[in-house]
Amino acid sequence: MTMTLIKQQKTTTEKKLKPKKSSFAYSPVVEELMAFCPKCKTPETVRLYDSVLSPTRKFSQEDGKLYHDCGANEPCRVYRVI
């Protein structure tokens, strides 16, 4: 039986990591809030990106207030999720 000694060669070159390019020039502020409809009592978690509601089918944003699509005239109550 023959045994061969194998040595691992050390590399002298190092790879430098490049930072990933993002589509955002800055990191947006993301807030998760709990919206509670005063008319139909629907609770829902919604996300705001830089104080703008992320696209959703059930809620809309007008003048900085959130409204549920059930036809409520009052804006939803909004609570911060901890």
PDB file of N, CA and C in Angstrom:
ATOM      1  N   MET A   1       0.836  -1.158   0.000  1.00  0.00           N
ATOM      2  CA  MET A   1       0.000   0.000   0.000  1.00  0.00           C
ATOM      3  C   MET A   1       0.893   1.237   0.000  1.00  0.00           C
ATOM      4  N   THR A   2       0.550   2.173  -0.861  1.00  0.00           N
ATOM      5  CA  THR A   2       1.336   3.396  -0.996  1.00  0.00           C
ATOM      6  C   THR A   2       0.524   4.569  -0.471  1.00  0.00           C
ATOM      7  N   MET A   3       1.135   5.444   0.310  1.00  0.00           N
ATOM      8  CA  MET A   3       0.462   6.645   0.820  1.00  0.00           C
ATOM      9  C   MET A   3       1.148   7.855   0.215  1.00  0.00           C
ATOM     10  N   THR A   4       0.351   8.803  -0.180  1.00  0.00           N
ATOM     11  CA  THR A   4       0.868  10.028  -0.770  1.00  0.00           C
ATOM     12  C   THR A   4       0.506  11.192   0.144  1.00  0.00           C
ATOM     13  N   LEU A   5       1.477  12.011   0.417  1.00  0.00           N
ATOM     14  CA  LEU A   5       1.257  13.188   1.249  1.00  0.00           C
ATOM     15  C   LEU A   5       0.833  14.343   0.344  1.00  0.00           C
ATOM     16  N   ILE A   6      -0.309  14.912   0.662  1.00  0.00           N
ATOM     17  CA  ILE A   6      -0.822  16.027  -0.136  1.00  0.00           C
ATOM     18  C   ILE A   6      -0.826  17.270   0.734  1.00  0.00           C
ATOM     19  N   LYS A   7      -0.197  18.323   0.231  1.00  0.00           N
ATOM     20  CA  LYS A   7      -0.164  19.582   0.948  1.00  0.00           C
ATOM     21  C   LYS A   7      -1.096  20.562   0.250  1.00  0.00           C
ATOM     22  N   GLN A   8      -1.796  21.327   1.076  1.00  0.00           N
ATOM     23  CA  GLN A   8      -2.669  22.354   0.507  1.00  0.00           C
ATOM     24  C   GLN A   8      -1.845  23.617   0.315  1.00  0.00           C
ATOM     25  N   GLN A   9      -1.917  24.157  -0.871  1.00  0.00           N
ATOM     26  CA  GLN A   9      -1.150  25.359  -1.163  1.00  0.00           C
ATOM     27  C   GLN A   9      -1.849  26.580  -0.588  1.00  0.00           C
ATOM     28  N   LYS A  10      -1.069  27.491  -0.073  1.00  0.00           N
ATOM     29  CA  LYS A  10      -1.607  28.740   0.449  1.00  0.00           C
ATOM     30  C   LYS A  10      -1.740  29.720  -0.711  1.00  0.00           C
ATOM     31  N   THR A  11      -2.830  30.426  -0.725  1.00  0.00           N
ATOM     32  CA  THR A  11      -3.019  31.428  -1.770  1.00  0.00           C
ATOM     33  C   THR A  11      -2.544  32.779  -1.262  1.00  0.00           C
ATOM     34  N   THR A  12      -1.986  33.534  -2.143  1.00  0.00           N
ATOM     35  CA  THR A  12      -1.471  34.847  -1.758  1.00  0.00           C
ATOM     36  C   THR A  12      -2.422  35.969  -2.160  1.00  0.00           C
ATOM     37  N   THR A  13      -3.413  35.646  -2.951  1.00  0.00           N
ATOM     38  CA  THR A  13      -4.366  36.679  -3.368  1.00  0.00           C
ATOM     39  C   THR A  13      -5.601  36.605  -2.477  1.00  0.00           C
ATOM     40  N   GLU A  14      -6.133  37.755  -2.164  1.00  0.00           N
ATOM     41  CA  GLU A  14      -7.337  37.831  -1.345  1.00  0.00           C
ATOM     42  C   GLU A  14      -8.448  38.473  -2.155  1.00  0.00           C
ATOM     43  N   LYS A  15      -9.628  37.956  -1.995  1.00  0.00           N
ATOM     44  CA  LYS A  15     -10.786  38.546  -2.669  1.00  0.00           C
ATOM     45  C   LYS A  15     -11.360  39.640  -1.783  1.00  0.00           C
ATOM     46  N   LYS A  16     -11.575  40.795  -2.375  1.00  0.00           N
ATOM     47  CA  LYS A  16     -12.203  41.883  -1.639  1.00  0.00           C
ATOM     48  C   LYS A  16     -13.696  41.882  -1.942  1.00  0.00           C
ATOM     49  N   LEU A  17     -14.481  41.981  -0.888  1.00  0.00           N
ATOM     50  CA  LEU A  17     -15.931  42.002  -1.064  1.00  0.00           C
ATOM     51  C   LEU A  17     -16.388  43.389  -1.466  1.00  0.00           C
ATOM     52  N   LYS A  18     -17.207  43.439  -2.474  1.00  0.00           N
ATOM     53  CA  LYS A  18     -17.753  44.711  -2.909  1.00  0.00           C
ATOM     54  C   LYS A  18     -19.112  44.905  -2.243  1.00  0.00           C
ATOM     55  N   PRO A  19     -19.436  46.131  -1.820  1.00  0.00           N
ATOM     56  CA  PRO A  19     -20.757  46.357  -1.228  1.00  0.00           C
ATOM     57  C   PRO A  19     -21.839  46.197  -2.285  1.00  0.00           C
ATOM     58  N   LYS A  20     -22.953  45.604  -1.866  1.00  0.00           N
ATOM     59  CA  LYS A  20     -24.058  45.404  -2.792  1.00  0.00           C
ATOM     60  C   LYS A  20     -24.744  46.729  -3.060  1.00  0.00           C
ATOM     61  N   LYS A  21     -25.104  46.931  -4.298  1.00  0.00           N
ATOM     62  CA  LYS A  21     -25.811  48.148  -4.645  1.00  0.00           C
ATOM     63  C   LYS A  21     -27.293  47.932  -4.397  1.00  0.00           C
ATOM     64  N   SER A  22     -27.906  48.901  -3.768  1.00  0.00           N
ATOM     65  CA  SER A  22     -29.318  48.825  -3.432  1.00  0.00           C
ATOM     66  C   SER A  22     -30.101  49.740  -4.366  1.00  0.00           C
ATOM     67  N   SER A  23     -31.384  49.457  -4.520  1.00  0.00           N
ATOM     68  CA  SER A  23     -32.223  50.316  -5.335  1.00  0.00           C
ATOM     69  C   SER A  23     -32.567  51.598  -4.587  1.00  0.00           C
ATOM     70  N   PHE A  24     -32.400  51.581  -3.260  1.00  0.00           N
ATOM     71  CA  PHE A  24     -32.647  52.772  -2.456  1.00  0.00           C
ATOM     72  C   PHE A  24     -31.328  53.496  -2.221  1.00  0.00           C
ATOM     73  N   ALA A  25     -31.368  54.805  -2.270  1.00  0.00           N
ATOM     74  CA  ALA A  25     -30.185  55.586  -1.953  1.00  0.00           C
ATOM     75  C   ALA A  25     -30.001  55.645  -0.436  1.00  0.00           C
ATOM     76  N   TYR A  26     -31.061  55.365   0.284  1.00  0.00           N
ATOM     77  CA  TYR A  26     -31.032  55.339   1.740  1.00  0.00           C
ATOM     78  C   TYR A  26     -31.951  54.217   2.214  1.00  0.00           C
ATOM     79  N   SER A  27     -31.869  53.908   3.462  1.00  0.00           N
ATOM     80  CA  SER A  27     -32.715  52.862   4.024  1.00  0.00           C
ATOM     81  C   SER A  27     -34.039  53.480   4.477  1.00  0.00           C
ATOM     82  N   PRO A  28     -35.170  53.045   3.918  1.00  0.00           N
ATOM     83  CA  PRO A  28     -36.445  53.643   4.301  1.00  0.00           C
ATOM     84  C   PRO A  28     -36.824  53.271   5.736  1.00  0.00           C
ATOM     85  N   VAL A  29     -37.553  54.164   6.381  1.00  0.00           N
ATOM     86  CA  VAL A  29     -38.031  53.905   7.729  1.00  0.00           C
ATOM     87  C   VAL A  29     -39.296  53.063   7.607  1.00  0.00           C
ATOM     88  N   VAL A  30     -39.267  51.877   8.206  1.00  0.00           N
ATOM     89  CA  VAL A  30     -40.400  50.966   8.131  1.00  0.00           C
ATOM     90  C   VAL A  30     -41.047  50.897   9.505  1.00  0.00           C
ATOM     91  N   GLU A  31     -42.358  51.134   9.547  1.00  0.00           N
ATOM     92  CA  GLU A  31     -43.104  51.031  10.795  1.00  0.00           C
ATOM     93  C   GLU A  31     -44.203  50.000  10.613  1.00  0.00           C
ATOM     94  N   GLU A  32     -44.375  49.159  11.604  1.00  0.00           N
ATOM     95  CA  GLU A  32     -45.483  48.207  11.616  1.00  0.00           C
ATOM     96  C   GLU A  32     -46.493  48.719  12.628  1.00  0.00           C
ATOM     97  N   LEU A  33     -47.723  48.938  12.170  1.00  0.00           N
ATOM     98  CA  LEU A  33     -48.771  49.480  13.022  1.00  0.00           C
ATOM     99  C   LEU A  33     -49.984  48.568  13.009  1.00  0.00           C
ATOM    100  N   MET A  34     -50.765  48.637  14.065  1.00  0.00           N
ATOM    101  CA  MET A  34     -52.019  47.891  14.141  1.00  0.00           C
ATOM    102  C   MET A  34     -53.147  48.886  13.895  1.00  0.00           C
ATOM    103  N   ALA A  35     -53.904  48.671  12.832  1.00  0.00           N
ATOM    104  CA  ALA A  35     -55.044  49.529  12.510  1.00  0.00           C
ATOM    105  C   ALA A  35     -56.316  48.825  12.981  1.00  0.00           C
ATOM    106  N   PHE A  36     -57.177  49.593  13.644  1.00  0.00           N
ATOM    107  CA  PHE A  36     -58.417  49.039  14.192  1.00  0.00           C
ATOM    108  C   PHE A  36     -59.576  49.879  13.671  1.00  0.00           C
ATOM    109  N   CYS A  37     -60.471  49.269  12.881  1.00  0.00           N
ATOM    110  CA  CYS A  37     -61.591  49.980  12.285  1.00  0.00           C
ATOM    111  C   CYS A  37     -62.672  50.228  13.346  1.00  0.00           C
ATOM    112  N   PRO A  38     -63.118  51.471  13.501  1.00  0.00           N
ATOM    113  CA  PRO A  38     -64.139  51.764  14.513  1.00  0.00           C
ATOM    114  C   PRO A  38     -65.533  51.261  14.141  1.00  0.00           C
ATOM    115  N   LYS A  39     -65.787  51.034  12.850  1.00  0.00           N
ATOM    116  CA  LYS A  39     -67.123  50.603  12.423  1.00  0.00           C
ATOM    117  C   LYS A  39     -67.291  49.087  12.510  1.00  0.00           C
ATOM    118  N   CYS A  40     -66.407  48.332  11.859  1.00  0.00           N
ATOM    119  CA  CYS A  40     -66.578  46.872  11.795  1.00  0.00           C
ATOM    120  C   CYS A  40     -65.644  46.123  12.742  1.00  0.00           C
ATOM    121  N   LYS A  41     -64.827  46.871  13.498  1.00  0.00           N
ATOM    122  CA  LYS A  41     -63.932  46.285  14.510  1.00  0.00           C
ATOM    123  C   LYS A  41     -62.859  45.361  13.928  1.00  0.00           C
ATOM    124  N   THR A  42     -62.464  45.592  12.693  1.00  0.00           N
ATOM    125  CA  THR A  42     -61.431  44.778  12.063  1.00  0.00           C
ATOM    126  C   THR A  42     -60.043  45.215  12.515  1.00  0.00           C
ATOM    127  N   PRO A  43     -59.263  44.302  13.122  1.00  0.00           N
ATOM    128  CA  PRO A  43     -57.868  44.637  13.421  1.00  0.00           C
ATOM    129  C   PRO A  43     -56.975  44.145  12.281  1.00  0.00           C
ATOM    130  N   GLU A  44     -55.988  44.923  11.932  1.00  0.00           N
ATOM    131  CA  GLU A  44     -55.100  44.543  10.829  1.00  0.00           C
ATOM    132  C   GLU A  44     -53.725  45.155  11.061  1.00  0.00           C
ATOM    133  N   THR A  45     -52.693  44.411  10.777  1.00  0.00           N
ATOM    134  CA  THR A  45     -51.336  44.932  10.840  1.00  0.00           C
ATOM    135  C   THR A  45     -51.003  45.542   9.487  1.00  0.00           C
ATOM    136  N   VAL A  46     -50.574  46.795   9.482  1.00  0.00           N
ATOM    137  CA  VAL A  46     -50.215  47.487   8.243  1.00  0.00           C
ATOM    138  C   VAL A  46     -48.779  47.992   8.366  1.00  0.00           C
ATOM    139  N   ARG A  47     -48.162  48.226   7.239  1.00  0.00           N
ATOM    140  CA  ARG A  47     -46.788  48.726   7.220  1.00  0.00           C
ATOM    141  C   ARG A  47     -46.753  50.084   6.548  1.00  0.00           C
ATOM    142  N   LEU A  48     -45.967  50.967   7.147  1.00  0.00           N
ATOM    143  CA  LEU A  48     -45.737  52.288   6.579  1.00  0.00           C
ATOM    144  C   LEU A  48     -44.261  52.405   6.226  1.00  0.00           C
ATOM    145  N   TYR A  49     -44.000  52.853   5.013  1.00  0.00           N
ATOM    146  CA  TYR A  49     -42.636  53.106   4.567  1.00  0.00           C
ATOM    147  C   TYR A  49     -42.482  54.613   4.435  1.00  0.00           C
ATOM    148  N   ASP A  50     -41.649  55.197   5.302  1.00  0.00           N
ATOM    149  CA  ASP A  50     -41.481  56.654   5.340  1.00  0.00           C
ATOM    150  C   ASP A  50     -42.838  57.359   5.447  1.00  0.00           C
ATOM    151  N   SER A  51     -43.682  56.878   6.347  1.00  0.00           N
ATOM    152  CA  SER A  51     -45.008  57.447   6.652  1.00  0.00           C
ATOM    153  C   SER A  51     -46.016  57.289   5.518  1.00  0.00           C
ATOM    154  N   VAL A  52     -45.751  56.407   4.564  1.00  0.00           N
ATOM    155  CA  VAL A  52     -46.685  56.137   3.461  1.00  0.00           C
ATOM    156  C   VAL A  52     -47.116  54.685   3.558  1.00  0.00           C
ATOM    157  N   LEU A  53     -48.426  54.447   3.490  1.00  0.00           N
ATOM    158  CA  LEU A  53     -48.988  53.101   3.594  1.00  0.00           C
ATOM    159  C   LEU A  53     -48.512  52.230   2.445  1.00  0.00           C
ATOM    160  N   SER A  54     -48.048  51.020   2.770  1.00  0.00           N
ATOM    161  CA  SER A  54     -47.680  50.077   1.714  1.00  0.00           C
ATOM    162  C   SER A  54     -48.963  49.619   1.029  1.00  0.00           C
ATOM    163  N   PRO A  55     -48.892  49.242  -0.237  1.00  0.00           N
ATOM    164  CA  PRO A  55     -50.104  48.855  -0.970  1.00  0.00           C
ATOM    165  C   PRO A  55     -50.869  47.734  -0.270  1.00  0.00           C
ATOM    166  N   THR A  56     -52.153  47.936  -0.088  1.00  0.00           N
ATOM    167  CA  THR A  56     -53.026  46.950   0.541  1.00  0.00           C
ATOM    168  C   THR A  56     -54.415  47.066  -0.074  1.00  0.00           C
ATOM    169  N   ARG A  57     -55.171  45.982  -0.043  1.00  0.00           N
ATOM    170  CA  ARG A  57     -56.505  45.994  -0.639  1.00  0.00           C
ATOM    171  C   ARG A  57     -57.568  46.516   0.323  1.00  0.00           C
ATOM    172  N   LYS A  58     -57.342  46.383   1.625  1.00  0.00           N
ATOM    173  CA  LYS A  58     -58.385  46.696   2.602  1.00  0.00           C
ATOM    174  C   LYS A  58     -58.318  48.111   3.169  1.00  0.00           C
ATOM    175  N   PHE A  59     -57.160  48.746   3.090  1.00  0.00           N
ATOM    176  CA  PHE A  59     -56.985  50.050   3.711  1.00  0.00           C
ATOM    177  C   PHE A  59     -56.462  51.068   2.710  1.00  0.00           C
ATOM    178  N   SER A  60     -56.811  52.330   2.969  1.00  0.00           N
ATOM    179  CA  SER A  60     -56.301  53.427   2.147  1.00  0.00           C
ATOM    180  C   SER A  60     -55.827  54.543   3.077  1.00  0.00           C
ATOM    181  N   GLN A  61     -55.036  55.444   2.546  1.00  0.00           N
ATOM    182  CA  GLN A  61     -54.499  56.535   3.345  1.00  0.00           C
ATOM    183  C   GLN A  61     -54.875  57.857   2.693  1.00  0.00           C
ATOM    184  N   GLU A  62     -55.501  58.737   3.480  1.00  0.00           N
ATOM    185  CA  GLU A  62     -55.862  60.074   3.006  1.00  0.00           C
ATOM    186  C   GLU A  62     -55.484  61.075   4.078  1.00  0.00           C
ATOM    187  N   ASP A  63     -54.746  62.084   3.712  1.00  0.00           N
ATOM    188  CA  ASP A  63     -54.311  63.141   4.638  1.00  0.00           C
ATOM    189  C   ASP A  63     -53.634  62.573   5.881  1.00  0.00           C
ATOM    190  N   GLY A  64     -52.843  61.528   5.719  1.00  0.00           N
ATOM    191  CA  GLY A  64     -52.115  60.944   6.835  1.00  0.00           C
ATOM    192  C   GLY A  64     -52.949  60.051   7.735  1.00  0.00           C
ATOM    193  N   LYS A  65     -54.201  59.799   7.385  1.00  0.00           N
ATOM    194  CA  LYS A  65     -55.085  58.940   8.193  1.00  0.00           C
ATOM    195  C   LYS A  65     -55.418  57.674   7.418  1.00  0.00           C
ATOM    196  N   LEU A  66     -55.594  56.563   8.140  1.00  0.00           N
ATOM    197  CA  LEU A  66     -55.924  55.283   7.520  1.00  0.00           C
ATOM    198  C   LEU A  66     -57.422  55.030   7.580  1.00  0.00           C
ATOM    199  N   TYR A  67     -57.971  54.567   6.456  1.00  0.00           N
ATOM    200  CA  TYR A  67     -59.389  54.244   6.370  1.00  0.00           C
ATOM    201  C   TYR A  67     -59.566  52.808   5.909  1.00  0.00           C
ATOM    202  N   HIS A  68     -60.553  52.119   6.475  1.00  0.00           N
ATOM    203  CA  HIS A  68     -60.885  50.748   6.080  1.00  0.00           C
ATOM    204  C   HIS A  68     -61.888  50.816   4.935  1.00  0.00           C
ATOM    205  N   ASP A  69     -61.903  49.805   4.077  1.00  0.00           N
ATOM    206  CA  ASP A  69     -62.792  49.821   2.910  1.00  0.00           C
ATOM    207  C   ASP A  69     -64.229  49.397   3.219  1.00  0.00           C
ATOM    208  N   CYS A  70     -64.615  49.277   4.495  1.00  0.00           N
ATOM    209  CA  CYS A  70     -65.981  48.872   4.853  1.00  0.00           C
ATOM    210  C   CYS A  70     -66.958  50.036   4.741  1.00  0.00           C
ATOM    211  N   GLY A  71     -66.436  51.233   4.480  1.00  0.00           N
ATOM    212  CA  GLY A  71     -67.308  52.395   4.326  1.00  0.00           C
ATOM    213  C   GLY A  71     -67.386  53.262   5.565  1.00  0.00           C
ATOM    214  N   ALA A  72     -66.490  53.078   6.484  1.00  0.00           N
ATOM    215  CA  ALA A  72     -66.484  53.879   7.711  1.00  0.00           C
ATOM    216  C   ALA A  72     -66.111  55.322   7.385  1.00  0.00           C
ATOM    217  N   ASN A  73     -66.821  56.265   8.004  1.00  0.00           N
ATOM    218  CA  ASN A  73     -66.513  57.685   7.815  1.00  0.00           C
ATOM    219  C   ASN A  73     -65.372  58.129   8.709  1.00  0.00           C
ATOM    220  N   GLU A  74     -65.160  57.416   9.794  1.00  0.00           N
ATOM    221  CA  GLU A  74     -64.085  57.747  10.732  1.00  0.00           C
ATOM    222  C   GLU A  74     -62.802  57.018  10.330  1.00  0.00           C
ATOM    223  N   PRO A  75     -61.652  57.645  10.581  1.00  0.00           N
ATOM    224  CA  PRO A  75     -60.391  56.941  10.312  1.00  0.00           C
ATOM    225  C   PRO A  75     -60.157  55.840  11.342  1.00  0.00           C
ATOM    226  N   CYS A  76     -59.320  54.898  10.983  1.00  0.00           N
ATOM    227  CA  CYS A  76     -58.992  53.793  11.891  1.00  0.00           C
ATOM    228  C   CYS A  76     -58.158  54.301  13.057  1.00  0.00           C
ATOM    229  N   ARG A  77     -58.302  53.628  14.166  1.00  0.00           N
ATOM    230  CA  ARG A  77     -57.417  53.889  15.290  1.00  0.00           C
ATOM    231  C   ARG A  77     -56.124  53.131  15.005  1.00  0.00           C
ATOM    232  N   VAL A  78     -55.006  53.768  15.246  1.00  0.00           N
ATOM    233  CA  VAL A  78     -53.713  53.177  14.906  1.00  0.00           C
ATOM    234  C   VAL A  78     -52.887  53.041  16.168  1.00  0.00           C
ATOM    235  N   TYR A  79     -52.333  51.833  16.355  1.00  0.00           N
ATOM    236  CA  TYR A  79     -51.503  51.526  17.517  1.00  0.00           C
ATOM    237  C   TYR A  79     -50.150  51.047  17.032  1.00  0.00           C
ATOM    238  N   ARG A  80     -49.110  51.434  17.746  1.00  0.00           N
ATOM    239  CA  ARG A  80     -47.753  50.992  17.418  1.00  0.00           C
ATOM    240  C   ARG A  80     -47.553  49.563  17.939  1.00  0.00           C
ATOM    241  N   VAL A  81     -47.013  48.683  17.108  1.00  0.00           N
ATOM    242  CA  VAL A  81     -46.745  47.299  17.481  1.00  0.00           C
ATOM    243  C   VAL A  81     -45.385  47.255  18.172  1.00  0.00           C
ATOM    244  N   ILE A  82     -45.346  46.639  19.320  1.00  0.00           N
ATOM    245  CA  ILE A  82     -44.080  46.566  20.077  1.00  0.00           C
ATOM    246  C   ILE A  82     -43.517  45.167  19.968  1.00  0.00           C
TER     247      ILE A  82
END
